[in-house]
Amino acid sequence: LGEAPSVEHFEFEHLVVRPTLTPGRRGVKVAYDGEVARSTFACWTSR
């Protein structure tokens, strides 16, 4: 999969992600180890 031209991958320690939401949407679906929830803001980090 890492060789596919449509795939980008990179490493990080801390990443802030802000999705743009269309009117009426409460957030985007986020899966954590297979469990799905919703979020409007995501601060990804390692611990």
ModelCIF file with pLDDT and N, C-alpha, C, O atoms, coordinates in Angstrom:
data_MODEL
#
_entry.id   MODEL 
#
_entity.id                         1 
_entity.type                       polymer 
_entity.pdbx_number_of_molecules   1 
#
_entity_poly.entity_id                      1 
_entity_poly.type                           'polypeptide(L)' 
_entity_poly.nstd_linkage                   no 
_entity_poly.nstd_monomer                   no 
_entity_poly.pdbx_seq_one_letter_code       LGEAPSVEHFEFEHLVVRPTLTPGRRGVKVAYDGEVARSTFACWTSR 
_entity_poly.pdbx_seq_one_letter_code_can   LGEAPSVEHFEFEHLVVRPTLTPGRRGVKVAYDGEVARSTFACWTSR 
_entity_poly.pdbx_strand_id                 A 
#
loop_
_entity_poly_seq.entity_id 
_entity_poly_seq.num 
_entity_poly_seq.mon_id 
_entity_poly_seq.hetero 
1 1  LEU n 
1 2  GLY n 
1 3  GLU n 
1 4  ALA n 
1 5  PRO n 
1 6  SER n 
1 7  VAL n 
1 8  GLU n 
1 9  HIS n 
1 10 PHE n 
1 11 GLU n 
1 12 PHE n 
1 13 GLU n 
1 14 HIS n 
1 15 LEU n 
1 16 VAL n 
1 17 VAL n 
1 18 ARG n 
1 19 PRO n 
1 20 THR n 
1 21 LEU n 
1 22 THR n 
1 23 PRO n 
1 24 GLY n 
1 25 ARG n 
1 26 ARG n 
1 27 GLY n 
1 28 VAL n 
1 29 LYS n 
1 30 VAL n 
1 31 ALA n 
1 32 TYR n 
1 33 ASP n 
1 34 GLY n 
1 35 GLU n 
1 36 VAL n 
1 37 ALA n 
1 38 ARG n 
1 39 SER n 
1 40 THR n 
1 41 PHE n 
1 42 ALA n 
1 43 CYS n 
1 44 TRP n 
1 45 THR n 
1 46 SER n 
1 47 ARG n 
#
_struct_asym.id          A 
_struct_asym.entity_id   1 
#
loop_
_ma_qa_metric.id 
_ma_qa_metric.mode 
_ma_qa_metric.name 
_ma_qa_metric.software_group_id 
_ma_qa_metric.type 
1 global pLDDT . pLDDT 
2 local  pLDDT . pLDDT 
#
_ma_qa_metric_global.metric_id      1 
_ma_qa_metric_global.metric_value   86.40 
_ma_qa_metric_global.model_id       1 
_ma_qa_metric_global.ordinal_id     1 
#
loop_
_ma_qa_metric_local.label_asym_id 
_ma_qa_metric_local.label_comp_id 
_ma_qa_metric_local.label_seq_id 
_ma_qa_metric_local.metric_id 
_ma_qa_metric_local.metric_value 
_ma_qa_metric_local.model_id 
_ma_qa_metric_local.ordinal_id 
A LEU 1  2 88.00 1 1  
A GLY 2  2 86.00 1 2  
A GLU 3  2 89.00 1 3  
A ALA 4  2 92.00 1 4  
A PRO 5  2 92.00 1 5  
A SER 6  2 93.00 1 6  
A VAL 7  2 94.00 1 7  
A GLU 8  2 95.00 1 8  
A HIS 9  2 94.00 1 9  
A PHE 10 2 94.00 1 10 
A GLU 11 2 93.00 1 11 
A PHE 12 2 94.00 1 12 
A GLU 13 2 93.00 1 13 
A HIS 14 2 93.00 1 14 
A LEU 15 2 93.00 1 15 
A VAL 16 2 94.00 1 16 
A VAL 17 2 93.00 1 17 
A ARG 18 2 91.00 1 18 
A PRO 19 2 91.00 1 19 
A THR 20 2 90.00 1 20 
A LEU 21 2 84.00 1 21 
A THR 22 2 79.00 1 22 
A PRO 23 2 78.00 1 23 
A GLY 24 2 72.00 1 24 
A ARG 25 2 76.00 1 25 
A ARG 26 2 77.00 1 26 
A GLY 27 2 81.00 1 27 
A VAL 28 2 86.00 1 28 
A LYS 29 2 88.00 1 29 
A VAL 30 2 91.00 1 30 
A ALA 31 2 92.00 1 31 
A TYR 32 2 91.00 1 32 
A ASP 33 2 91.00 1 33 
A GLY 34 2 83.00 1 34 
A GLU 35 2 85.00 1 35 
A VAL 36 2 86.00 1 36 
A ALA 37 2 85.00 1 37 
A ARG 38 2 81.00 1 38 
A SER 39 2 79.00 1 39 
A THR 40 2 75.00 1 40 
A PHE 41 2 72.00 1 41 
A ALA 42 2 79.00 1 42 
A CYS 43 2 85.00 1 43 
A TRP 44 2 81.00 1 44 
A THR 45 2 86.00 1 45 
A SER 46 2 79.00 1 46 
A ARG 47 2 77.00 1 47 
#
loop_
_atom_site.group_PDB 
_atom_site.id 
_atom_site.type_symbol 
_atom_site.label_atom_id 
_atom_site.label_alt_id 
_atom_site.label_comp_id 
_atom_site.label_asym_id 
_atom_site.label_entity_id 
_atom_site.label_seq_id 
_atom_site.pdbx_PDB_ins_code 
_atom_site.Cartn_x 
_atom_site.Cartn_y 
_atom_site.Cartn_z 
_atom_site.occupancy 
_atom_site.B_iso_or_equiv 
_atom_site.pdbx_formal_charge 
_atom_site.auth_seq_id 
_atom_site.auth_comp_id 
_atom_site.auth_asym_id 
_atom_site.auth_atom_id 
_atom_site.pdbx_PDB_model_num 
ATOM 1   N N  . LEU A 1 1  ? 0.820   -1.210 0.000  1.00 88.00 ? 1  LEU A N  1 
ATOM 2   C CA . LEU A 1 1  ? 0.000   0.000  0.000  1.00 88.00 ? 1  LEU A CA 1 
ATOM 3   C C  . LEU A 1 1  ? 0.857   1.264  0.000  1.00 88.00 ? 1  LEU A C  1 
ATOM 4   O O  . LEU A 1 1  ? 0.482   2.264  -0.612 1.00 88.00 ? 1  LEU A O  1 
ATOM 5   N N  . GLY A 1 2  ? 1.989   1.228  0.673  1.00 86.00 ? 2  GLY A N  1 
ATOM 6   C CA . GLY A 1 2  ? 2.850   2.399  0.740  1.00 86.00 ? 2  GLY A CA 1 
ATOM 7   C C  . GLY A 1 2  ? 3.436   2.802  -0.597 1.00 86.00 ? 2  GLY A C  1 
ATOM 8   O O  . GLY A 1 2  ? 3.910   3.929  -0.746 1.00 86.00 ? 2  GLY A O  1 
ATOM 9   N N  . GLU A 1 3  ? 3.415   1.908  -1.572 1.00 89.00 ? 3  GLU A N  1 
ATOM 10  C CA . GLU A 1 3  ? 3.950   2.206  -2.902 1.00 89.00 ? 3  GLU A CA 1 
ATOM 11  C C  . GLU A 1 3  ? 2.917   2.804  -3.839 1.00 89.00 ? 3  GLU A C  1 
ATOM 12  O O  . GLU A 1 3  ? 3.271   3.268  -4.923 1.00 89.00 ? 3  GLU A O  1 
ATOM 13  N N  . ALA A 1 4  ? 1.644   2.805  -3.450 1.00 92.00 ? 4  ALA A N  1 
ATOM 14  C CA . ALA A 1 4  ? 0.587   3.332  -4.320 1.00 92.00 ? 4  ALA A CA 1 
ATOM 15  C C  . ALA A 1 4  ? 0.743   4.842  -4.480 1.00 92.00 ? 4  ALA A C  1 
ATOM 16  O O  . ALA A 1 4  ? 0.968   5.535  -3.487 1.00 92.00 ? 4  ALA A O  1 
ATOM 17  N N  . PRO A 1 5  ? 0.628   5.381  -5.715 1.00 92.00 ? 5  PRO A N  1 
ATOM 18  C CA . PRO A 1 5  ? 0.826   6.814  -5.935 1.00 92.00 ? 5  PRO A CA 1 
ATOM 19  C C  . PRO A 1 5  ? -0.208  7.688  -5.238 1.00 92.00 ? 5  PRO A C  1 
ATOM 20  O O  . PRO A 1 5  ? 0.038   8.874  -5.019 1.00 92.00 ? 5  PRO A O  1 
ATOM 21  N N  . SER A 1 6  ? -1.358  7.127  -4.885 1.00 93.00 ? 6  SER A N  1 
ATOM 22  C CA . SER A 1 6  ? -2.405  7.918  -4.233 1.00 93.00 ? 6  SER A CA 1 
ATOM 23  C C  . SER A 1 6  ? -2.267  7.941  -2.715 1.00 93.00 ? 6  SER A C  1 
ATOM 24  O O  . SER A 1 6  ? -3.100  8.530  -2.026 1.00 93.00 ? 6  SER A O  1 
ATOM 25  N N  . VAL A 1 7  ? -1.223  7.306  -2.191 1.00 94.00 ? 7  VAL A N  1 
ATOM 26  C CA . VAL A 1 7  ? -1.046  7.194  -0.747 1.00 94.00 ? 7  VAL A CA 1 
ATOM 27  C C  . VAL A 1 7  ? 0.159   8.021  -0.306 1.00 94.00 ? 7  VAL A C  1 
ATOM 28  O O  . VAL A 1 7  ? 1.242   7.914  -0.881 1.00 94.00 ? 7  VAL A O  1 
ATOM 29  N N  . GLU A 1 8  ? -0.041  8.842  0.717  1.00 95.00 ? 8  GLU A N  1 
ATOM 30  C CA . GLU A 1 8  ? 1.031   9.608  1.343  1.00 95.00 ? 8  GLU A CA 1 
ATOM 31  C C  . GLU A 1 8  ? 1.168   9.149  2.787  1.00 95.00 ? 8  GLU A C  1 
ATOM 32  O O  . GLU A 1 8  ? 0.161   8.947  3.465  1.00 95.00 ? 8  GLU A O  1 
ATOM 33  N N  . HIS A 1 9  ? 2.391   8.982  3.266  1.00 94.00 ? 9  HIS A N  1 
ATOM 34  C CA . HIS A 1 9  ? 2.572   8.635  4.673  1.00 94.00 ? 9  HIS A CA 1 
ATOM 35  C C  . HIS A 1 9  ? 3.772   9.382  5.248  1.00 94.00 ? 9  HIS A C  1 
ATOM 36  O O  . HIS A 1 9  ? 4.761   9.632  4.559  1.00 94.00 ? 9  HIS A O  1 
ATOM 37  N N  . PHE A 1 10 ? 3.657   9.730  6.521  1.00 94.00 ? 10 PHE A N  1 
ATOM 38  C CA . PHE A 1 10 ? 4.713   10.481 7.193  1.00 94.00 ? 10 PHE A CA 1 
ATOM 39  C C  . PHE A 1 10 ? 4.625   10.205 8.689  1.00 94.00 ? 10 PHE A C  1 
ATOM 40  O O  . PHE A 1 10 ? 3.591   9.763  9.191  1.00 94.00 ? 10 PHE A O  1 
ATOM 41  N N  . GLU A 1 11 ? 5.725   10.472 9.397  1.00 93.00 ? 11 GLU A N  1 
ATOM 42  C CA . GLU A 1 11 ? 5.786   10.239 10.838 1.00 93.00 ? 11 GLU A CA 1 
ATOM 43  C C  . GLU A 1 11 ? 5.666   11.557 11.593 1.00 93.00 ? 11 GLU A C  1 
ATOM 44  O O  . GLU A 1 11 ? 6.007   12.620 11.075 1.00 93.00 ? 11 GLU A O  1 
ATOM 45  N N  . PHE A 1 12 ? 5.175   11.468 12.830 1.00 94.00 ? 12 PHE A N  1 
ATOM 46  C CA . PHE A 1 12 ? 5.055   12.676 13.644 1.00 94.00 ? 12 PHE A CA 1 
ATOM 47  C C  . PHE A 1 12 ? 4.953   12.285 15.115 1.00 94.00 ? 12 PHE A C  1 
ATOM 48  O O  . PHE A 1 12 ? 4.692   11.130 15.453 1.00 94.00 ? 12 PHE A O  1 
ATOM 49  N N  . GLU A 1 13 ? 5.162   13.264 15.972 1.00 93.00 ? 13 GLU A N  1 
ATOM 50  C CA . GLU A 1 13 ? 4.937   13.116 17.403 1.00 93.00 ? 13 GLU A CA 1 
ATOM 51  C C  . GLU A 1 13 ? 3.657   13.814 17.851 1.00 93.00 ? 13 GLU A C  1 
ATOM 52  O O  . GLU A 1 13 ? 2.986   13.371 18.783 1.00 93.00 ? 13 GLU A O  1 
ATOM 53  N N  . HIS A 1 14 ? 3.328   14.918 17.168 1.00 93.00 ? 14 HIS A N  1 
ATOM 54  C CA . HIS A 1 14 ? 2.147   15.703 17.543 1.00 93.00 ? 14 HIS A CA 1 
ATOM 55  C C  . HIS A 1 14 ? 1.552   16.302 16.284 1.00 93.00 ? 14 HIS A C  1 
ATOM 56  O O  . HIS A 1 14 ? 2.268   16.888 15.473 1.00 93.00 ? 14 HIS A O  1 
ATOM 57  N N  . LEU A 1 15 ? 0.246   16.156 16.117 1.00 93.00 ? 15 LEU A N  1 
ATOM 58  C CA . LEU A 1 15 ? -0.430  16.617 14.908 1.00 93.00 ? 15 LEU A CA 1 
ATOM 59  C C  . LEU A 1 15 ? -1.799  17.173 15.291 1.00 93.00 ? 15 LEU A C  1 
ATOM 60  O O  . LEU A 1 15 ? -2.546  16.535 16.032 1.00 93.00 ? 15 LEU A O  1 
ATOM 61  N N  . VAL A 1 16 ? -2.126  18.359 14.787 1.00 94.00 ? 16 VAL A N  1 
ATOM 62  C CA . VAL A 1 16 ? -3.439  18.961 15.023 1.00 94.00 ? 16 VAL A CA 1 
ATOM 63  C C  . VAL A 1 16 ? -4.220  18.911 13.710 1.00 94.00 ? 16 VAL A C  1 
ATOM 64  O O  . VAL A 1 16 ? -3.735  19.361 12.672 1.00 94.00 ? 16 VAL A O  1 
ATOM 65  N N  . VAL A 1 17 ? -5.443  18.354 13.769 1.00 93.00 ? 17 VAL A N  1 
ATOM 66  C CA . VAL A 1 17 ? -6.281  18.199 12.582 1.00 93.00 ? 17 VAL A CA 1 
ATOM 67  C C  . VAL A 1 17 ? -7.629  18.861 12.842 1.00 93.00 ? 17 VAL A C  1 
ATOM 68  O O  . VAL A 1 17 ? -8.309  18.548 13.820 1.00 93.00 ? 17 VAL A O  1 
ATOM 69  N N  . ARG A 1 18 ? -8.010  19.785 11.953 1.00 91.00 ? 18 ARG A N  1 
ATOM 70  C CA . ARG A 1 18 ? -9.298  20.461 12.068 1.00 91.00 ? 18 ARG A CA 1 
ATOM 71  C C  . ARG A 1 18 ? -10.104 20.176 10.796 1.00 91.00 ? 18 ARG A C  1 
ATOM 72  O O  . ARG A 1 18 ? -9.800  20.730 9.740  1.00 91.00 ? 18 ARG A O  1 
ATOM 73  N N  . PRO A 1 19 ? -11.123 19.322 10.884 1.00 91.00 ? 19 PRO A N  1 
ATOM 74  C CA . PRO A 1 19 ? -11.950 19.063 9.703  1.00 91.00 ? 19 PRO A CA 1 
ATOM 75  C C  . PRO A 1 19 ? -12.913 20.206 9.432  1.00 91.00 ? 19 PRO A C  1 
ATOM 76  O O  . PRO A 1 19 ? -13.433 20.824 10.361 1.00 91.00 ? 19 PRO A O  1 
ATOM 77  N N  . THR A 1 20 ? -13.149 20.486 8.147  1.00 90.00 ? 20 THR A N  1 
ATOM 78  C CA . THR A 1 20 ? -14.158 21.462 7.750  1.00 90.00 ? 20 THR A CA 1 
ATOM 79  C C  . THR A 1 20 ? -15.501 20.767 7.679  1.00 90.00 ? 20 THR A C  1 
ATOM 80  O O  . THR A 1 20 ? -15.668 19.808 6.925  1.00 90.00 ? 20 THR A O  1 
ATOM 81  N N  . LEU A 1 21 ? -16.465 21.243 8.458  1.00 84.00 ? 21 LEU A N  1 
ATOM 82  C CA . LEU A 1 21 ? -17.763 20.585 8.553  1.00 84.00 ? 21 LEU A CA 1 
ATOM 83  C C  . LEU A 1 21 ? -18.797 21.333 7.729  1.00 84.00 ? 21 LEU A C  1 
ATOM 84  O O  . LEU A 1 21 ? -18.858 22.562 7.762  1.00 84.00 ? 21 LEU A O  1 
ATOM 85  N N  . THR A 1 22 ? -19.610 20.586 6.988  1.00 79.00 ? 22 THR A N  1 
ATOM 86  C CA . THR A 1 22 ? -20.722 21.184 6.270  1.00 79.00 ? 22 THR A CA 1 
ATOM 87  C C  . THR A 1 22 ? -21.838 21.505 7.264  1.00 79.00 ? 22 THR A C  1 
ATOM 88  O O  . THR A 1 22 ? -21.900 20.885 8.325  1.00 79.00 ? 22 THR A O  1 
ATOM 89  N N  . PRO A 1 23 ? -22.712 22.450 6.952  1.00 78.00 ? 23 PRO A N  1 
ATOM 90  C CA . PRO A 1 23 ? -23.793 22.817 7.875  1.00 78.00 ? 23 PRO A CA 1 
ATOM 91  C C  . PRO A 1 23 ? -24.629 21.594 8.274  1.00 78.00 ? 23 PRO A C  1 
ATOM 92  O O  . PRO A 1 23 ? -25.019 20.787 7.430  1.00 78.00 ? 23 PRO A O  1 
ATOM 93  N N  . GLY A 1 24 ? -24.887 21.483 9.553  1.00 72.00 ? 24 GLY A N  1 
ATOM 94  C CA . GLY A 1 24 ? -25.708 20.379 10.052 1.00 72.00 ? 24 GLY A CA 1 
ATOM 95  C C  . GLY A 1 24 ? -24.913 19.172 10.521 1.00 72.00 ? 24 GLY A C  1 
ATOM 96  O O  . GLY A 1 24 ? -25.457 18.318 11.221 1.00 72.00 ? 24 GLY A O  1 
ATOM 97  N N  . ARG A 1 25 ? -23.647 19.080 10.157 1.00 76.00 ? 25 ARG A N  1 
ATOM 98  C CA . ARG A 1 25 ? -22.846 17.933 10.595 1.00 76.00 ? 25 ARG A CA 1 
ATOM 99  C C  . ARG A 1 25 ? -22.294 18.189 11.997 1.00 76.00 ? 25 ARG A C  1 
ATOM 100 O O  . ARG A 1 25 ? -21.801 19.276 12.295 1.00 76.00 ? 25 ARG A O  1 
ATOM 101 N N  . ARG A 1 26 ? -22.386 17.169 12.852 1.00 77.00 ? 26 ARG A N  1 
ATOM 102 C CA . ARG A 1 26 ? -21.955 17.294 14.246 1.00 77.00 ? 26 ARG A CA 1 
ATOM 103 C C  . ARG A 1 26 ? -20.483 16.940 14.436 1.00 77.00 ? 26 ARG A C  1 
ATOM 104 O O  . ARG A 1 26 ? -19.951 17.068 15.538 1.00 77.00 ? 26 ARG A O  1 
ATOM 105 N N  . GLY A 1 27 ? -19.840 16.506 13.389 1.00 81.00 ? 27 GLY A N  1 
ATOM 106 C CA . GLY A 1 27 ? -18.449 16.091 13.481 1.00 81.00 ? 27 GLY A CA 1 
ATOM 107 C C  . GLY A 1 27 ? -18.175 15.024 12.453 1.00 81.00 ? 27 GLY A C  1 
ATOM 108 O O  . GLY A 1 27 ? -19.067 14.646 11.694 1.00 81.00 ? 27 GLY A O  1 
ATOM 109 N N  . VAL A 1 28 ? -16.955 14.534 12.418 1.00 86.00 ? 28 VAL A N  1 
ATOM 110 C CA . VAL A 1 28 ? -16.595 13.440 11.519 1.00 86.00 ? 28 VAL A CA 1 
ATOM 111 C C  . VAL A 1 28 ? -16.417 12.168 12.333 1.00 86.00 ? 28 VAL A C  1 
ATOM 112 O O  . VAL A 1 28 ? -16.069 12.215 13.513 1.00 86.00 ? 28 VAL A O  1 
ATOM 113 N N  . LYS A 1 29 ? -16.654 11.048 11.698 1.00 88.00 ? 29 LYS A N  1 
ATOM 114 C CA . LYS A 1 29 ? -16.486 9.770  12.377 1.00 88.00 ? 29 LYS A CA 1 
ATOM 115 C C  . LYS A 1 29 ? -15.005 9.480  12.582 1.00 88.00 ? 29 LYS A C  1 
ATOM 116 O O  . LYS A 1 29 ? -14.194 9.655  11.673 1.00 88.00 ? 29 LYS A O  1 
ATOM 117 N N  . VAL A 1 30 ? -14.668 9.041  13.771 1.00 91.00 ? 30 VAL A N  1 
ATOM 118 C CA . VAL A 1 30 ? -13.299 8.678  14.113 1.00 91.00 ? 30 VAL A CA 1 
ATOM 119 C C  . VAL A 1 30 ? -13.318 7.288  14.723 1.00 91.00 ? 30 VAL A C  1 
ATOM 120 O O  . VAL A 1 30 ? -14.111 7.020  15.626 1.00 91.00 ? 30 VAL A O  1 
ATOM 121 N N  . ALA A 1 31 ? -12.461 6.408  14.248 1.00 92.00 ? 31 ALA A N  1 
ATOM 122 C CA . ALA A 1 31 ? -12.365 5.043  14.775 1.00 92.00 ? 31 ALA A CA 1 
ATOM 123 C C  . ALA A 1 31 ? -11.122 4.919  15.641 1.00 92.00 ? 31 ALA A C  1 
ATOM 124 O O  . ALA A 1 31 ? -10.028 5.305  15.229 1.00 92.00 ? 31 ALA A O  1 
ATOM 125 N N  . TYR A 1 32 ? -11.296 4.375  16.854 1.00 91.00 ? 32 TYR A N  1 
ATOM 126 C CA . TYR A 1 32 ? -10.195 4.140  17.780 1.00 91.00 ? 32 TYR A CA 1 
ATOM 127 C C  . TYR A 1 32 ? -10.109 2.639  18.023 1.00 91.00 ? 32 TYR A C  1 
ATOM 128 O O  . TYR A 1 32 ? -10.958 2.084  18.720 1.00 91.00 ? 32 TYR A O  1 
ATOM 129 N N  . ASP A 1 33 ? -9.107  1.971  17.466 1.00 91.00 ? 33 ASP A N  1 
ATOM 130 C CA . ASP A 1 33 ? -8.980  0.513  17.629 1.00 91.00 ? 33 ASP A CA 1 
ATOM 131 C C  . ASP A 1 33 ? -10.287 -0.202 17.316 1.00 91.00 ? 33 ASP A C  1 
ATOM 132 O O  . ASP A 1 33 ? -10.664 -1.153 17.999 1.00 91.00 ? 33 ASP A O  1 
ATOM 133 N N  . GLY A 1 34 ? -10.978 0.268  16.271 1.00 83.00 ? 34 GLY A N  1 
ATOM 134 C CA . GLY A 1 34 ? -12.198 -0.401 15.822 1.00 83.00 ? 34 GLY A CA 1 
ATOM 135 C C  . GLY A 1 34 ? -13.486 0.147  16.390 1.00 83.00 ? 34 GLY A C  1 
ATOM 136 O O  . GLY A 1 34 ? -14.563 -0.238 15.935 1.00 83.00 ? 34 GLY A O  1 
ATOM 137 N N  . GLU A 1 35 ? -13.415 1.042  17.381 1.00 85.00 ? 35 GLU A N  1 
ATOM 138 C CA . GLU A 1 35 ? -14.617 1.640  17.962 1.00 85.00 ? 35 GLU A CA 1 
ATOM 139 C C  . GLU A 1 35 ? -14.843 3.016  17.340 1.00 85.00 ? 35 GLU A C  1 
ATOM 140 O O  . GLU A 1 35 ? -13.929 3.840  17.314 1.00 85.00 ? 35 GLU A O  1 
ATOM 141 N N  . VAL A 1 36 ? -16.062 3.273  16.837 1.00 86.00 ? 36 VAL A N  1 
ATOM 142 C CA . VAL A 1 36 ? -16.341 4.483  16.080 1.00 86.00 ? 36 VAL A CA 1 
ATOM 143 C C  . VAL A 1 36 ? -17.055 5.518  16.948 1.00 86.00 ? 36 VAL A C  1 
ATOM 144 O O  . VAL A 1 36 ? -18.014 5.194  17.649 1.00 86.00 ? 36 VAL A O  1 
ATOM 145 N N  . ALA A 1 37 ? -16.576 6.783  16.895 1.00 85.00 ? 37 ALA A N  1 
ATOM 146 C CA . ALA A 1 37 ? -17.199 7.905  17.597 1.00 85.00 ? 37 ALA A CA 1 
ATOM 147 C C  . ALA A 1 37 ? -17.147 9.105  16.661 1.00 85.00 ? 37 ALA A C  1 
ATOM 148 O O  . ALA A 1 37 ? -16.773 8.966  15.496 1.00 85.00 ? 37 ALA A O  1 
ATOM 149 N N  . ARG A 1 38 ? -17.521 10.290 17.162 1.00 81.00 ? 38 ARG A N  1 
ATOM 150 C CA . ARG A 1 38 ? -17.485 11.503 16.357 1.00 81.00 ? 38 ARG A CA 1 
ATOM 151 C C  . ARG A 1 38 ? -16.605 12.551 17.027 1.00 81.00 ? 38 ARG A C  1 
ATOM 152 O O  . ARG A 1 38 ? -16.493 12.592 18.252 1.00 81.00 ? 38 ARG A O  1 
ATOM 153 N N  . SER A 1 39 ? -15.975 13.406 16.201 1.00 79.00 ? 39 SER A N  1 
ATOM 154 C CA . SER A 1 39 ? -15.118 14.456 16.735 1.00 79.00 ? 39 SER A CA 1 
ATOM 155 C C  . SER A 1 39 ? -15.138 15.650 15.796 1.00 79.00 ? 39 SER A C  1 
ATOM 156 O O  . SER A 1 39 ? -15.274 15.494 14.583 1.00 79.00 ? 39 SER A O  1 
ATOM 157 N N  . THR A 1 40 ? -15.001 16.842 16.362 1.00 75.00 ? 40 THR A N  1 
ATOM 158 C CA . THR A 1 40 ? -14.917 18.062 15.559 1.00 75.00 ? 40 THR A CA 1 
ATOM 159 C C  . THR A 1 40 ? -13.507 18.635 15.526 1.00 75.00 ? 40 THR A C  1 
ATOM 160 O O  . THR A 1 40 ? -13.224 19.571 14.778 1.00 75.00 ? 40 THR A O  1 
ATOM 161 N N  . PHE A 1 41 ? -12.628 18.067 16.339 1.00 72.00 ? 41 PHE A N  1 
ATOM 162 C CA . PHE A 1 41 ? -11.253 18.563 16.454 1.00 72.00 ? 41 PHE A CA 1 
ATOM 163 C C  . PHE A 1 41 ? -10.398 17.377 16.895 1.00 72.00 ? 41 PHE A C  1 
ATOM 164 O O  . PHE A 1 41 ? -10.838 16.568 17.712 1.00 72.00 ? 41 PHE A O  1 
ATOM 165 N N  . ALA A 1 42 ? -9.204  17.269 16.372 1.00 79.00 ? 42 ALA A N  1 
ATOM 166 C CA . ALA A 1 42 ? -8.360  16.132 16.723 1.00 79.00 ? 42 ALA A CA 1 
ATOM 167 C C  . ALA A 1 42 ? -6.932  16.583 16.948 1.00 79.00 ? 42 ALA A C  1 
ATOM 168 O O  . ALA A 1 42 ? -6.307  17.168 16.063 1.00 79.00 ? 42 ALA A O  1 
ATOM 169 N N  . CYS A 1 43 ? -6.420  16.308 18.138 1.00 85.00 ? 43 CYS A N  1 
ATOM 170 C CA . CYS A 1 43 ? -5.025  16.560 18.466 1.00 85.00 ? 43 CYS A CA 1 
ATOM 171 C C  . CYS A 1 43 ? -4.375  15.203 18.689 1.00 85.00 ? 43 CYS A C  1 
ATOM 172 O O  . CYS A 1 43 ? -4.593  14.575 19.725 1.00 85.00 ? 43 CYS A O  1 
ATOM 173 N N  . TRP A 1 44 ? -3.575  14.741 17.726 1.00 81.00 ? 44 TRP A N  1 
ATOM 174 C CA . TRP A 1 44 ? -2.982  13.408 17.756 1.00 81.00 ? 44 TRP A CA 1 
ATOM 175 C C  . TRP A 1 44 ? -1.584  13.508 18.363 1.00 81.00 ? 44 TRP A C  1 
ATOM 176 O O  . TRP A 1 44 ? -0.810  14.398 18.010 1.00 81.00 ? 44 TRP A O  1 
ATOM 177 N N  . THR A 1 45 ? -1.270  12.602 19.266 1.00 86.00 ? 45 THR A N  1 
ATOM 178 C CA . THR A 1 45 ? 0.044   12.634 19.904 1.00 86.00 ? 45 THR A CA 1 
ATOM 179 C C  . THR A 1 45 ? 0.413   11.253 20.377 1.00 86.00 ? 45 THR A C  1 
ATOM 180 O O  . THR A 1 45 ? -0.450  10.384 20.500 1.00 86.00 ? 45 THR A O  1 
ATOM 181 N N  . SER A 1 46 ? 1.704   11.035 20.648 1.00 79.00 ? 46 SER A N  1 
ATOM 182 C CA . SER A 1 46 ? 2.184   9.769  21.208 1.00 79.00 ? 46 SER A CA 1 
ATOM 183 C C  . SER A 1 46 ? 2.477   9.946  22.693 1.00 79.00 ? 46 SER A C  1 
ATOM 184 O O  . SER A 1 46 ? 2.872   11.023 23.139 1.00 79.00 ? 46 SER A O  1 
ATOM 185 N N  . ARG A 1 47 ? 2.274   8.855  23.458 1.00 77.00 ? 47 ARG A N  1 
ATOM 186 C CA . ARG A 1 47 ? 2.495   8.877  24.900 1.00 77.00 ? 47 ARG A CA 1 
ATOM 187 C C  . ARG A 1 47 ? 3.136   7.567  25.316 1.00 77.00 ? 47 ARG A C  1 
ATOM 188 O O  . ARG A 1 47 ? 3.414   7.363  26.497 1.00 77.00 ? 47 ARG A O  1 
#
